[in-house]
Amino acid sequence: MTDTRVPPAYLGDELTMLNNWLEWHRATLAVKCAGLSDEQLRERSARPSDMSLLGLVRHMAHVERMWFRRVLDGEDIPKLWDKDRDNDNDFKEVDSASVREAFDTWRREIEHARRISAAKPLDAVGDRNGDDCSHRWILVHMIEEYARHNGHADLLRERIDGVTGE
């Protein structure tokens, strides 16, 4: 597994720190998925869980889309992966899901998120189901969301081929 992540700097302003940590965690999920076959990416953790690396990529594409595009930028966009029908579809329907589409969608949503985030001050406020939600809160939430799921990804990867790492 090639690891090209750039560790977050120890010094910097708040926005730089938040963005660096978010980028670190985005790259960590990519590292955890690197070099695996489509079948390996679809492998579930353990019953009754539907969690897989592909499911995590699909889930994080949805999370990027919802928090940055819908909440922070106010875009009226649909959920991904038919999540209006079943909120867990990002995890459940990986057996027939296109790996390429999932990764392309994830990368595209990250690019949207970066552009939106770059154009907003930390105190910018979006609407989360009628509640005010700051850009700062969204960045912190995204870091913790990736960090939590990267822990899952670490265990999934170790189960698949024994590879471990930070």
Protein backbone atom coordinates (compact mmCIF):
# COMPACT_ATOMS: atom_id res chain seq x y z
CA MET A 1 0.00 0.00 0.00
CA THR A 2 1.47 3.34 -1.05
CA ASP A 3 0.85 6.11 1.44
CA THR A 4 1.14 9.61 -0.03
CA ARG A 5 -0.72 11.39 2.78
CA VAL A 6 0.70 14.66 4.09
CA PRO A 7 0.56 14.77 7.90
CA PRO A 8 -1.21 17.85 9.27
CA ALA A 9 1.17 20.58 10.43
CA TYR A 10 1.53 21.23 14.16
CA LEU A 11 1.11 24.98 13.66
CA GLY A 12 -1.38 27.02 11.69
CA ASP A 13 -4.55 29.04 11.89
CA GLU A 14 -7.84 27.34 12.71
CA LEU A 15 -9.12 27.03 9.13
CA THR A 16 -5.81 25.58 7.91
CA MET A 17 -5.75 23.07 10.77
CA LEU A 18 -9.33 21.95 10.17
CA ASN A 19 -8.79 21.60 6.43
CA ASN A 20 -5.50 19.74 6.89
CA TRP A 21 -7.07 17.24 9.29
CA LEU A 22 -10.04 16.71 6.97
CA GLU A 23 -7.70 16.14 4.03
CA TRP A 24 -5.66 13.68 6.13
CA HIS A 25 -8.76 11.65 6.92
CA ARG A 26 -10.05 11.73 3.34
CA ALA A 27 -6.68 10.43 2.18
CA THR A 28 -6.67 7.80 4.94
CA LEU A 29 -9.85 6.22 3.58
CA ALA A 30 -8.29 6.14 0.11
CA VAL A 31 -5.16 4.46 1.52
CA LYS A 32 -7.27 1.83 3.29
CA CYS A 33 -8.95 0.97 -0.04
CA ALA A 34 -5.83 1.07 -2.22
CA GLY A 35 -4.75 -2.03 -4.10
CA LEU A 36 -7.85 -4.11 -3.39
CA SER A 37 -10.04 -5.85 -5.95
CA ASP A 38 -13.70 -4.97 -6.42
CA GLU A 39 -14.61 -8.16 -4.59
CA GLN A 40 -12.37 -7.30 -1.64
CA LEU A 41 -13.86 -3.79 -1.44
CA ARG A 42 -17.32 -5.40 -1.23
CA GLU A 43 -16.40 -7.81 1.58
CA ARG A 44 -18.58 -7.32 4.65
CA SER A 45 -17.09 -7.04 8.13
CA ALA A 46 -19.06 -9.61 10.12
CA ARG A 47 -22.71 -10.50 10.45
CA PRO A 48 -25.09 -8.82 11.00
CA SER A 49 -23.18 -5.74 9.79
CA ASP A 50 -23.43 -4.59 6.17
CA MET A 51 -20.24 -2.56 6.52
CA SER A 52 -17.62 -2.84 3.77
CA LEU A 53 -14.91 -0.58 2.41
CA LEU A 54 -17.03 0.10 -0.67
CA GLY A 55 -19.97 0.93 1.60
CA LEU A 56 -17.79 3.35 3.54
CA VAL A 57 -16.73 5.12 0.33
CA ARG A 58 -20.36 5.37 -0.79
CA HIS A 59 -21.39 6.59 2.69
CA MET A 60 -18.70 9.27 2.79
CA ALA A 61 -19.67 10.48 -0.70
CA HIS A 62 -23.19 10.96 0.62
CA VAL A 63 -21.96 12.66 3.82
CA GLU A 64 -19.74 15.09 1.85
CA ARG A 65 -22.68 15.88 -0.42
CA MET A 66 -25.20 16.47 2.34
CA TRP A 67 -23.10 18.57 4.72
CA PHE A 68 -21.37 20.81 2.22
CA ARG A 69 -23.76 21.06 -0.70
CA ARG A 70 -27.14 20.73 1.00
CA VAL A 71 -26.53 22.16 4.49
CA LEU A 72 -23.75 24.72 4.02
CA ASP A 73 -24.48 25.84 0.46
CA GLY A 74 -28.25 25.34 0.45
CA GLU A 75 -28.37 23.25 -2.73
CA ASP A 76 -31.61 21.35 -3.32
CA ILE A 77 -30.06 18.04 -4.35
CA PRO A 78 -31.20 14.46 -3.91
CA LYS A 79 -29.55 11.97 -1.63
CA LEU A 80 -27.20 9.45 -3.21
CA TRP A 81 -27.68 5.69 -3.49
CA ASP A 82 -31.48 5.78 -3.17
CA LYS A 83 -31.12 6.65 0.53
CA ASP A 84 -34.60 8.23 0.53
CA ARG A 85 -35.97 4.70 0.13
CA ASP A 86 -33.60 3.09 2.63
CA ASN A 87 -31.15 5.19 4.66
CA ASP A 88 -28.64 2.31 4.74
CA ASN A 89 -28.52 1.67 0.99
CA ASP A 90 -24.98 3.04 0.76
CA PHE A 91 -23.92 -0.01 2.80
CA LYS A 92 -26.56 -2.58 1.83
CA GLU A 93 -26.39 -2.47 -1.95
CA VAL A 94 -22.68 -2.92 -2.58
CA ASP A 95 -22.88 -6.36 -4.22
CA SER A 96 -24.18 -4.86 -7.47
CA ALA A 97 -22.74 -1.35 -7.04
CA SER A 98 -20.10 -0.06 -9.41
CA VAL A 99 -16.81 0.43 -7.61
CA ARG A 100 -15.67 2.93 -10.21
CA GLU A 101 -18.88 4.95 -9.89
CA ALA A 102 -18.60 4.99 -6.09
CA PHE A 103 -15.01 6.24 -6.09
CA ASP A 104 -15.70 8.76 -8.89
CA THR A 105 -18.73 10.06 -7.00
CA TRP A 106 -16.76 10.28 -3.75
CA ARG A 107 -13.95 12.25 -5.46
CA ARG A 108 -16.46 14.52 -7.19
CA GLU A 109 -18.28 15.26 -3.92
CA ILE A 110 -14.95 16.01 -2.20
CA GLU A 111 -14.13 18.50 -4.97
CA HIS A 112 -17.55 20.18 -4.55
CA ALA A 113 -16.99 20.30 -0.79
CA ARG A 114 -13.54 21.85 -1.19
CA ARG A 115 -14.87 24.59 -3.48
CA ILE A 116 -17.80 25.39 -1.18
CA SER A 117 -15.61 25.36 1.92
CA ALA A 118 -12.97 27.60 0.33
CA ALA A 119 -15.62 30.21 -0.48
CA LYS A 120 -17.09 30.40 3.04
CA PRO A 121 -15.76 31.87 6.28
CA LEU A 122 -15.70 29.56 9.30
CA ASP A 123 -18.65 31.42 10.80
CA ALA A 124 -20.81 30.97 7.70
CA VAL A 125 -24.14 29.40 8.66
CA GLY A 126 -26.14 26.80 6.80
CA ASP A 127 -29.51 25.23 7.47
CA ARG A 128 -29.69 21.71 8.93
CA ASN A 129 -33.36 20.78 9.08
CA GLY A 130 -34.33 24.24 10.33
CA ASP A 131 -31.38 24.64 12.69
CA ASP A 132 -28.42 26.95 12.10
CA CYS A 133 -25.19 25.04 11.53
CA SER A 134 -21.80 26.72 11.15
CA HIS A 135 -19.13 25.89 8.62
CA ARG A 136 -16.78 25.35 11.59
CA TRP A 137 -19.14 22.74 13.06
CA ILE A 138 -19.40 20.98 9.69
CA LEU A 139 -15.61 20.76 9.36
CA VAL A 140 -15.25 19.35 12.88
CA HIS A 141 -18.08 16.90 12.22
CA MET A 142 -16.52 15.75 8.96
CA ILE A 143 -13.19 15.12 10.71
CA GLU A 144 -14.85 13.01 13.40
CA GLU A 145 -17.02 11.20 10.84
CA TYR A 146 -13.99 10.21 8.78
CA ALA A 147 -11.95 9.37 11.89
CA ARG A 148 -14.65 7.02 13.18
CA HIS A 149 -15.13 5.34 9.83
CA ASN A 150 -11.40 5.12 9.21
CA GLY A 151 -11.23 3.01 12.36
CA HIS A 152 -13.79 0.71 10.74
CA ALA A 153 -11.79 0.79 7.50
CA ASP A 154 -8.63 -0.21 9.38
CA LEU A 155 -10.34 -3.29 10.81
CA LEU A 156 -11.93 -4.18 7.46
CA ARG A 157 -8.59 -3.91 5.67
CA GLU A 158 -6.82 -6.02 8.27
CA ARG A 159 -9.53 -8.66 7.95
CA ILE A 160 -9.23 -8.69 4.14
CA ASP A 161 -5.46 -8.98 3.71
CA GLY A 162 -3.75 -8.39 7.05
CA VAL A 163 -2.57 -4.88 6.18
CA THR A 164 -2.56 -2.48 9.11
CA GLY A 165 -1.40 1.05 9.55
CA GLU A 166 -2.22 4.54 10.73
